[in-house]
PDB file of N, CA and C in Angstrom:
ATOM      1  N   UNK A   1     -21.733 -28.479 -22.620  1.00  0.00           N
ATOM      2  CA  UNK A   1     -20.307 -28.635 -22.715  1.00  0.00           C
ATOM      3  C   UNK A   1     -19.674 -27.406 -23.362  1.00  0.00           C
ATOM      4  N   UNK A   2     -20.296 -26.914 -24.441  1.00  0.00           N
ATOM      5  CA  UNK A   2     -19.753 -25.732 -25.105  1.00  0.00           C
ATOM      6  C   UNK A   2     -19.751 -24.529 -24.177  1.00  0.00           C
ATOM      7  N   UNK A   3     -20.771 -24.429 -23.355  1.00  0.00           N
ATOM      8  CA  UNK A   3     -20.866 -23.283 -22.456  1.00  0.00           C
ATOM      9  C   UNK A   3     -19.763 -23.310 -21.402  1.00  0.00           C
ATOM     10  N   UNK A   4     -19.398 -24.498 -20.946  1.00  0.00           N
ATOM     11  CA  UNK A   4     -18.333 -24.606 -19.951  1.00  0.00           C
ATOM     12  C   UNK A   4     -16.991 -24.206 -20.555  1.00  0.00           C
ATOM     13  N   UNK A   5     -16.735 -24.634 -21.754  1.00  0.00           N
ATOM     14  CA  UNK A   5     -15.469 -24.282 -22.415  1.00  0.00           C
ATOM     15  C   UNK A   5     -15.404 -22.778 -22.651  1.00  0.00           C
ATOM     16  N   UNK A   6     -16.477 -22.196 -23.149  1.00  0.00           N
ATOM     17  CA  UNK A   6     -16.504 -20.747 -23.387  1.00  0.00           C
ATOM     18  C   UNK A   6     -16.353 -19.984 -22.086  1.00  0.00           C
ATOM     19  N   UNK A   7     -17.016 -20.434 -21.036  1.00  0.00           N
ATOM     20  CA  UNK A   7     -16.908 -19.754 -19.736  1.00  0.00           C
ATOM     21  C   UNK A   7     -15.480 -19.842 -19.215  1.00  0.00           C
ATOM     22  N   UNK A   8     -14.851 -20.993 -19.407  1.00  0.00           N
ATOM     23  CA  UNK A   8     -13.462 -21.156 -18.967  1.00  0.00           C
ATOM     24  C   UNK A   8     -12.517 -20.254 -19.730  1.00  0.00           C
ATOM     25  N   UNK A   9     -12.722 -20.116 -21.019  1.00  0.00           N
ATOM     26  CA  UNK A   9     -11.878 -19.238 -21.826  1.00  0.00           C
ATOM     27  C   UNK A   9     -12.050 -17.788 -21.415  1.00  0.00           C
ATOM     28  N   UNK A  10     -13.286 -17.374 -21.198  1.00  0.00           N
ATOM     29  CA  UNK A  10     -13.534 -15.994 -20.768  1.00  0.00           C
ATOM     30  C   UNK A  10     -12.935 -15.728 -19.403  1.00  0.00           C
ATOM     31  N   UNK A  11     -13.050 -16.658 -18.496  1.00  0.00           N
ATOM     32  CA  UNK A  11     -12.480 -16.481 -17.167  1.00  0.00           C
ATOM     33  C   UNK A  11     -10.961 -16.336 -17.256  1.00  0.00           C
ATOM     34  N   UNK A  12     -10.330 -17.097 -18.140  1.00  0.00           N
ATOM     35  CA  UNK A  12      -8.887 -17.011 -18.316  1.00  0.00           C
ATOM     36  C   UNK A  12      -8.446 -15.681 -18.892  1.00  0.00           C
ATOM     37  N   UNK A  13      -9.288 -15.073 -19.690  1.00  0.00           N
ATOM     38  CA  UNK A  13      -8.946 -13.786 -20.296  1.00  0.00           C
ATOM     39  C   UNK A  13      -8.954 -12.659 -19.272  1.00  0.00           C
ATOM     40  N   UNK A  14      -9.708 -12.795 -18.213  1.00  0.00           N
ATOM     41  CA  UNK A  14      -9.853 -11.721 -17.240  1.00  0.00           C
ATOM     42  C   UNK A  14      -9.149 -12.007 -15.922  1.00  0.00           C
ATOM     43  N   UNK A  15      -8.271 -12.954 -15.910  1.00  0.00           N
ATOM     44  CA  UNK A  15      -7.532 -13.280 -14.704  1.00  0.00           C
ATOM     45  C   UNK A  15      -6.448 -12.235 -14.487  1.00  0.00           C
ATOM     46  N   UNK A  16      -6.380 -11.724 -13.286  1.00  0.00           N
ATOM     47  CA  UNK A  16      -5.340 -10.756 -12.944  1.00  0.00           C
ATOM     48  C   UNK A  16      -4.107 -11.508 -12.486  1.00  0.00           C
ATOM     49  N   UNK A  17      -2.981 -11.015 -12.865  1.00  0.00           N
ATOM     50  CA  UNK A  17      -1.743 -11.646 -12.423  1.00  0.00           C
ATOM     51  C   UNK A  17      -0.829 -10.593 -11.826  1.00  0.00           C
ATOM     52  N   UNK A  18       0.055 -11.026 -10.965  1.00  0.00           N
ATOM     53  CA  UNK A  18       1.023 -10.139 -10.346  1.00  0.00           C
ATOM     54  C   UNK A  18       2.181  -9.941 -11.303  1.00  0.00           C
ATOM     55  N   UNK A  19       2.601  -8.683 -11.530  1.00  0.00           N
ATOM     56  CA  UNK A  19       3.725  -8.466 -12.443  1.00  0.00           C
ATOM     57  C   UNK A  19       5.004  -9.074 -11.881  1.00  0.00           C
ATOM     58  N   UNK A  20       5.857  -9.539 -12.746  1.00  0.00           N
ATOM     59  CA  UNK A  20       7.129 -10.108 -12.340  1.00  0.00           C
ATOM     60  C   UNK A  20       8.207  -9.092 -12.685  1.00  0.00           C
ATOM     61  N   UNK A  21       9.009  -8.749 -11.701  1.00  0.00           N
ATOM     62  CA  UNK A  21      10.078  -7.783 -11.912  1.00  0.00           C
ATOM     63  C   UNK A  21      11.389  -8.526 -12.112  1.00  0.00           C
ATOM     64  N   UNK A  22      12.176  -8.046 -13.046  1.00  0.00           N
ATOM     65  CA  UNK A  22      13.413  -8.737 -13.373  1.00  0.00           C
ATOM     66  C   UNK A  22      14.509  -8.458 -12.353  1.00  0.00           C
ATOM     67  N   UNK A  23      14.434  -7.340 -11.651  1.00  0.00           N
ATOM     68  CA  UNK A  23      15.454  -7.008 -10.667  1.00  0.00           C
ATOM     69  C   UNK A  23      14.794  -6.753  -9.319  1.00  0.00           C
ATOM     70  N   UNK A  24      15.506  -7.061  -8.274  1.00  0.00           N
ATOM     71  CA  UNK A  24      15.014  -6.758  -6.939  1.00  0.00           C
ATOM     72  C   UNK A  24      15.207  -5.270  -6.681  1.00  0.00           C
ATOM     73  N   UNK A  25      14.379  -4.735  -5.801  1.00  0.00           N
ATOM     74  CA  UNK A  25      14.532  -3.335  -5.429  1.00  0.00           C
ATOM     75  C   UNK A  25      15.848  -3.159  -4.675  1.00  0.00           C
ATOM     76  N   UNK A  26      16.480  -2.035  -4.921  1.00  0.00           N
ATOM     77  CA  UNK A  26      17.732  -1.720  -4.235  1.00  0.00           C
ATOM     78  C   UNK A  26      17.481  -0.573  -3.265  1.00  0.00           C
ATOM     79  N   UNK A  27      18.255  -0.564  -2.193  1.00  0.00           N
ATOM     80  CA  UNK A  27      18.136   0.465  -1.168  1.00  0.00           C
ATOM     81  C   UNK A  27      19.509   1.034  -0.863  1.00  0.00           C
ATOM     82  N   UNK A  28      19.511   2.314  -0.506  1.00  0.00           N
ATOM     83  CA  UNK A  28      20.737   2.998  -0.119  1.00  0.00           C
ATOM     84  C   UNK A  28      20.419   3.811   1.121  1.00  0.00           C
ATOM     85  N   UNK A  29      21.030   3.469   2.232  1.00  0.00           N
ATOM     86  CA  UNK A  29      20.770   4.184   3.480  1.00  0.00           C
ATOM     87  C   UNK A  29      19.333   4.062   3.939  1.00  0.00           C
ATOM     88  N   UNK A  30      18.681   2.991   3.546  1.00  0.00           N
ATOM     89  CA  UNK A  30      17.285   2.781   3.911  1.00  0.00           C
ATOM     90  C   UNK A  30      16.290   3.380   2.935  1.00  0.00           C
ATOM     91  N   UNK A  31      16.781   4.094   1.939  1.00  0.00           N
ATOM     92  CA  UNK A  31      15.913   4.707   0.935  1.00  0.00           C
ATOM     93  C   UNK A  31      15.890   3.828  -0.321  1.00  0.00           C
ATOM     94  N   UNK A  32      14.726   3.688  -0.924  1.00  0.00           N
ATOM     95  CA  UNK A  32      14.594   2.881  -2.139  1.00  0.00           C
ATOM     96  C   UNK A  32      15.201   3.623  -3.329  1.00  0.00           C
ATOM     97  N   UNK A  33      15.992   2.930  -4.108  1.00  0.00           N
ATOM     98  CA  UNK A  33      16.648   3.512  -5.282  1.00  0.00           C
ATOM     99  C   UNK A  33      15.748   3.393  -6.512  1.00  0.00           C
ATOM    100  N   UNK A  34      15.817   4.396  -7.347  1.00  0.00           N
ATOM    101  CA  UNK A  34      15.073   4.370  -8.606  1.00  0.00           C
ATOM    102  C   UNK A  34      16.017   4.406  -9.800  1.00  0.00           C
ATOM    103  N   UNK A  35      17.278   4.630  -9.581  1.00  0.00           N
ATOM    104  CA  UNK A  35      18.238   4.797 -10.675  1.00  0.00           C
ATOM    105  C   UNK A  35      19.515   4.002 -10.430  1.00  0.00           C
ATOM    106  N   UNK A  36      19.360   2.793  -9.936  1.00  0.00           N
ATOM    107  CA  UNK A  36      20.506   1.948  -9.584  1.00  0.00           C
ATOM    108  C   UNK A  36      21.360   2.605  -8.503  1.00  0.00           C
ATOM    109  N   UNK A  37      20.766   3.474  -7.728  1.00  0.00           N
ATOM    110  CA  UNK A  37      21.393   4.140  -6.576  1.00  0.00           C
ATOM    111  C   UNK A  37      22.454   5.174  -6.952  1.00  0.00           C
ATOM    112  N   UNK A  38      22.521   5.560  -8.204  1.00  0.00           N
ATOM    113  CA  UNK A  38      23.547   6.523  -8.628  1.00  0.00           C
ATOM    114  C   UNK A  38      23.367   7.892  -7.983  1.00  0.00           C
ATOM    115  N   UNK A  39      22.137   8.405  -7.965  1.00  0.00           N
ATOM    116  CA  UNK A  39      21.900   9.716  -7.340  1.00  0.00           C
ATOM    117  C   UNK A  39      22.137   9.658  -5.842  1.00  0.00           C
ATOM    118  N   UNK A  40      21.759   8.557  -5.205  1.00  0.00           N
ATOM    119  CA  UNK A  40      22.004   8.417  -3.774  1.00  0.00           C
ATOM    120  C   UNK A  40      23.514   8.454  -3.493  1.00  0.00           C
ATOM    121  N   UNK A  41      24.278   7.718  -4.291  1.00  0.00           N
ATOM    122  CA  UNK A  41      25.727   7.687  -4.111  1.00  0.00           C
ATOM    123  C   UNK A  41      26.345   9.068  -4.356  1.00  0.00           C
ATOM    124  N   UNK A  42      25.812   9.802  -5.331  1.00  0.00           N
ATOM    125  CA  UNK A  42      26.333  11.147  -5.618  1.00  0.00           C
ATOM    126  C   UNK A  42      26.052  12.089  -4.452  1.00  0.00           C
ATOM    127  N   UNK A  43      24.854  12.012  -3.885  1.00  0.00           N
ATOM    128  CA  UNK A  43      24.528  12.840  -2.720  1.00  0.00           C
ATOM    129  C   UNK A  43      25.367  12.470  -1.511  1.00  0.00           C
ATOM    130  N   UNK A  44      25.614  11.184  -1.337  1.00  0.00           N
ATOM    131  CA  UNK A  44      26.458  10.700  -0.243  1.00  0.00           C
ATOM    132  C   UNK A  44      27.871  11.258  -0.400  1.00  0.00           C
ATOM    133  N   UNK A  45      28.396  11.187  -1.618  1.00  0.00           N
ATOM    134  CA  UNK A  45      29.751  11.679  -1.891  1.00  0.00           C
ATOM    135  C   UNK A  45      29.848  13.191  -1.657  1.00  0.00           C
ATOM    136  N   UNK A  46      28.813  13.912  -2.077  1.00  0.00           N
ATOM    137  CA  UNK A  46      28.758  15.362  -1.854  1.00  0.00           C
ATOM    138  C   UNK A  46      28.844  15.677  -0.361  1.00  0.00           C
ATOM    139  N   UNK A  47      28.038  14.993   0.435  1.00  0.00           N
ATOM    140  CA  UNK A  47      28.025  15.227   1.884  1.00  0.00           C
ATOM    141  C   UNK A  47      29.367  14.848   2.503  1.00  0.00           C
ATOM    142  N   UNK A  48      29.984  13.787   1.990  1.00  0.00           N
ATOM    143  CA  UNK A  48      31.279  13.359   2.516  1.00  0.00           C
ATOM    144  C   UNK A  48      32.350  14.402   2.219  1.00  0.00           C
ATOM    145  N   UNK A  49      32.339  14.943   0.995  1.00  0.00           N
ATOM    146  CA  UNK A  49      33.342  15.956   0.637  1.00  0.00           C
ATOM    147  C   UNK A  49      33.218  17.205   1.504  1.00  0.00           C
ATOM    148  N   UNK A  50      31.973  17.580   1.822  1.00  0.00           N
ATOM    149  CA  UNK A  50      31.751  18.775   2.644  1.00  0.00           C
ATOM    150  C   UNK A  50      31.738  18.473   4.148  1.00  0.00           C
ATOM    151  N   UNK A  51      31.820  17.187   4.485  1.00  0.00           N
ATOM    152  CA  UNK A  51      31.791  16.722   5.873  1.00  0.00           C
ATOM    153  C   UNK A  51      30.550  17.209   6.620  1.00  0.00           C
ATOM    154  N   UNK A  52      29.421  17.092   5.946  1.00  0.00           N
ATOM    155  CA  UNK A  52      28.161  17.523   6.551  1.00  0.00           C
ATOM    156  C   UNK A  52      27.781  16.601   7.698  1.00  0.00           C
ATOM    157  N   UNK A  53      27.165  17.180   8.726  1.00  0.00           N
ATOM    158  CA  UNK A  53      26.715  16.391   9.866  1.00  0.00           C
ATOM    159  C   UNK A  53      25.229  16.572  10.145  1.00  0.00           C
ATOM    160  N   UNK A  54      24.655  17.606   9.584  1.00  0.00           N
ATOM    161  CA  UNK A  54      23.249  17.934   9.825  1.00  0.00           C
ATOM    162  C   UNK A  54      22.425  17.635   8.574  1.00  0.00           C
ATOM    163  N   UNK A  55      21.431  16.741   8.672  1.00  0.00           N
ATOM    164  CA  UNK A  55      20.638  16.406   7.483  1.00  0.00           C
ATOM    165  C   UNK A  55      19.864  17.585   6.896  1.00  0.00           C
ATOM    166  N   UNK A  56      19.655  18.637   7.684  1.00  0.00           N
ATOM    167  CA  UNK A  56      18.948  19.807   7.144  1.00  0.00           C
ATOM    168  C   UNK A  56      19.832  20.580   6.156  1.00  0.00           C
ATOM    169  N   UNK A  57      21.118  20.271   6.121  1.00  0.00           N
ATOM    170  CA  UNK A  57      22.025  20.909   5.170  1.00  0.00           C
ATOM    171  C   UNK A  57      21.972  20.240   3.796  1.00  0.00           C
ATOM    172  N   UNK A  58      21.265  19.137   3.708  1.00  0.00           N
ATOM    173  CA  UNK A  58      21.205  18.377   2.455  1.00  0.00           C
ATOM    174  C   UNK A  58      20.164  18.962   1.510  1.00  0.00           C
ATOM    175  N   UNK A  59      20.631  19.338   0.351  1.00  0.00           N
ATOM    176  CA  UNK A  59      19.762  19.823  -0.722  1.00  0.00           C
ATOM    177  C   UNK A  59      20.405  19.373  -2.014  1.00  0.00           C
ATOM    178  N   UNK A  60      19.606  19.201  -3.020  1.00  0.00           N
ATOM    179  CA  UNK A  60      20.186  18.755  -4.281  1.00  0.00           C
ATOM    180  C   UNK A  60      19.183  18.766  -5.405  1.00  0.00           C
ATOM    181  N   UNK A  61      19.634  18.337  -6.567  1.00  0.00           N
ATOM    182  CA  UNK A  61      18.781  18.383  -7.754  1.00  0.00           C
ATOM    183  C   UNK A  61      17.649  17.359  -7.756  1.00  0.00           C
ATOM    184  N   UNK A  62      17.797  16.271  -6.976  1.00  0.00           N
ATOM    185  CA  UNK A  62      16.755  15.249  -6.930  1.00  0.00           C
ATOM    186  C   UNK A  62      16.532  14.792  -5.492  1.00  0.00           C
ATOM    187  N   UNK A  63      15.394  14.179  -5.270  1.00  0.00           N
ATOM    188  CA  UNK A  63      15.095  13.632  -3.952  1.00  0.00           C
ATOM    189  C   UNK A  63      16.103  12.539  -3.592  1.00  0.00           C
ATOM    190  N   UNK A  64      16.470  11.715  -4.554  1.00  0.00           N
ATOM    191  CA  UNK A  64      17.442  10.644  -4.309  1.00  0.00           C
ATOM    192  C   UNK A  64      18.792  11.206  -3.881  1.00  0.00           C
ATOM    193  N   UNK A  65      19.206  12.294  -4.491  1.00  0.00           N
ATOM    194  CA  UNK A  65      20.463  12.959  -4.143  1.00  0.00           C
ATOM    195  C   UNK A  65      20.421  13.422  -2.689  1.00  0.00           C
ATOM    196  N   UNK A  66      19.318  14.055  -2.300  1.00  0.00           N
ATOM    197  CA  UNK A  66      19.147  14.520  -0.925  1.00  0.00           C
ATOM    198  C   UNK A  66      19.137  13.351   0.057  1.00  0.00           C
ATOM    199  N   UNK A  67      18.497  12.248  -0.344  1.00  0.00           N
ATOM    200  CA  UNK A  67      18.452  11.071   0.526  1.00  0.00           C
ATOM    201  C   UNK A  67      19.845  10.481   0.714  1.00  0.00           C
ATOM    202  N   UNK A  68      20.648  10.479  -0.332  1.00  0.00           N
ATOM    203  CA  UNK A  68      22.023  10.007  -0.213  1.00  0.00           C
ATOM    204  C   UNK A  68      22.826  10.879   0.721  1.00  0.00           C
ATOM    205  N   UNK A  69      22.621  12.169   0.641  1.00  0.00           N
ATOM    206  CA  UNK A  69      23.278  13.116   1.545  1.00  0.00           C
ATOM    207  C   UNK A  69      22.860  12.837   2.991  1.00  0.00           C
ATOM    208  N   UNK A  70      21.576  12.645   3.211  1.00  0.00           N
ATOM    209  CA  UNK A  70      21.072  12.355   4.561  1.00  0.00           C
ATOM    210  C   UNK A  70      21.613  11.026   5.079  1.00  0.00           C
ATOM    211  N   UNK A  71      21.775  10.059   4.185  1.00  0.00           N
ATOM    212  CA  UNK A  71      22.342   8.772   4.592  1.00  0.00           C
ATOM    213  C   UNK A  71      23.753   8.962   5.137  1.00  0.00           C
ATOM    214  N   UNK A  72      24.515   9.866   4.539  1.00  0.00           N
ATOM    215  CA  UNK A  72      25.860  10.147   5.043  1.00  0.00           C
ATOM    216  C   UNK A  72      25.802  10.755   6.434  1.00  0.00           C
ATOM    217  N   UNK A  73      24.897  11.687   6.659  1.00  0.00           N
ATOM    218  CA  UNK A  73      24.838  12.338   7.978  1.00  0.00           C
ATOM    219  C   UNK A  73      24.451  11.345   9.078  1.00  0.00           C
ATOM    220  N   UNK A  74      23.746  10.275   8.717  1.00  0.00           N
ATOM    221  CA  UNK A  74      23.354   9.259   9.699  1.00  0.00           C
ATOM    222  C   UNK A  74      24.423   8.190   9.894  1.00  0.00           C
ATOM    223  N   UNK A  75      25.192   7.899   8.846  1.00  0.00           N
ATOM    224  CA  UNK A  75      26.185   6.821   8.919  1.00  0.00           C
ATOM    225  C   UNK A  75      27.384   7.173   8.056  1.00  0.00           C
ATOM    226  N   UNK A  76      28.321   7.897   8.640  1.00  0.00           N
ATOM    227  CA  UNK A  76      29.488   8.362   7.888  1.00  0.00           C
ATOM    228  C   UNK A  76      30.505   7.249   7.607  1.00  0.00           C
ATOM    229  N   UNK A  77      30.372   6.115   8.263  1.00  0.00           N
ATOM    230  CA  UNK A  77      31.334   5.029   8.104  1.00  0.00           C
ATOM    231  C   UNK A  77      30.946   4.031   7.005  1.00  0.00           C
ATOM    232  N   UNK A  78      29.728   4.139   6.482  1.00  0.00           N
ATOM    233  CA  UNK A  78      29.292   3.174   5.451  1.00  0.00           C
ATOM    234  C   UNK A  78      30.052   3.387   4.150  1.00  0.00           C
ATOM    235  N   UNK A  79      30.026   2.395   3.307  1.00  0.00           N
ATOM    236  CA  UNK A  79      30.656   2.470   1.989  1.00  0.00           C
ATOM    237  C   UNK A  79      29.671   3.122   1.021  1.00  0.00           C
ATOM    238  N   UNK A  80      29.986   4.306   0.562  1.00  0.00           N
ATOM    239  CA  UNK A  80      29.105   5.037  -0.338  1.00  0.00           C
ATOM    240  C   UNK A  80      29.096   4.515  -1.759  1.00  0.00           C
ATOM    241  N   UNK A  81      29.922   3.518  -2.044  1.00  0.00           N
ATOM    242  CA  UNK A  81      29.992   2.944  -3.390  1.00  0.00           C
ATOM    243  C   UNK A  81      29.175   1.658  -3.513  1.00  0.00           C
ATOM    244  N   UNK A  82      28.462   1.289  -2.417  1.00  0.00           N
ATOM    245  CA  UNK A  82      27.652   0.057  -2.433  1.00  0.00           C
ATOM    246  C   UNK A  82      26.261   0.343  -1.872  1.00  0.00           C
ATOM    247  N   UNK A  83      25.283  -0.434  -2.343  1.00  0.00           N
ATOM    248  CA  UNK A  83      23.937  -0.295  -1.813  1.00  0.00           C
ATOM    249  C   UNK A  83      23.848  -1.000  -0.462  1.00  0.00           C
ATOM    250  N   UNK A  84      22.668  -1.013   0.143  1.00  0.00           N
ATOM    251  CA  UNK A  84      22.509  -1.599   1.478  1.00  0.00           C
ATOM    252  C   UNK A  84      22.805  -3.095   1.513  1.00  0.00           C
ATOM    253  N   UNK A  85      22.659  -3.765   0.377  1.00  0.00           N
ATOM    254  CA  UNK A  85      22.925  -5.206   0.305  1.00  0.00           C
ATOM    255  C   UNK A  85      24.388  -5.490   0.008  1.00  0.00           C
ATOM    256  N   UNK A  86      25.201  -4.434  -0.166  1.00  0.00           N
ATOM    257  CA  UNK A  86      26.622  -4.608  -0.437  1.00  0.00           C
ATOM    258  C   UNK A  86      26.966  -4.764  -1.914  1.00  0.00           C
ATOM    259  N   UNK A  87      25.971  -4.537  -2.783  1.00  0.00           N
ATOM    260  CA  UNK A  87      26.230  -4.631  -4.224  1.00  0.00           C
ATOM    261  C   UNK A  87      26.834  -3.319  -4.727  1.00  0.00           C
ATOM    262  N   UNK A  88      27.846  -3.398  -5.588  1.00  0.00           N
ATOM    263  CA  UNK A  88      28.472  -2.176  -6.112  1.00  0.00           C
ATOM    264  C   UNK A  88      27.477  -1.337  -6.914  1.00  0.00           C
ATOM    265  N   UNK A  89      27.641  -0.026  -6.814  1.00  0.00           N
ATOM    266  CA  UNK A  89      26.825   0.902  -7.590  1.00  0.00           C
ATOM    267  C   UNK A  89      27.591   1.220  -8.862  1.00  0.00           C
ATOM    268  N   UNK A  90      26.947   1.003  -9.997  1.00  0.00           N
ATOM    269  CA  UNK A  90      27.592   1.201 -11.302  1.00  0.00           C
ATOM    270  C   UNK A  90      27.916   2.657 -11.520  1.00  0.00           C
TER     271      UNK A  90
END
């Protein structure tokens, strides 16, 4: 009996669990956001101000910024102030 209890306790100590995330992943223009989509929105706004049409013209300080710029070149009519799910970007 003691061996079963000890084995059960040891098994419980080594059980792997899936991490629980408090927020769902956000996307902007199909790209996953890492900063609440702020850099993506900034890149989108940059491309909109310059009226860029070619994604090869997109360059910036971060990958997210460039992805936001590319999102504009693919869909100039989208709302650059919201993520793909329609949630406002802070």
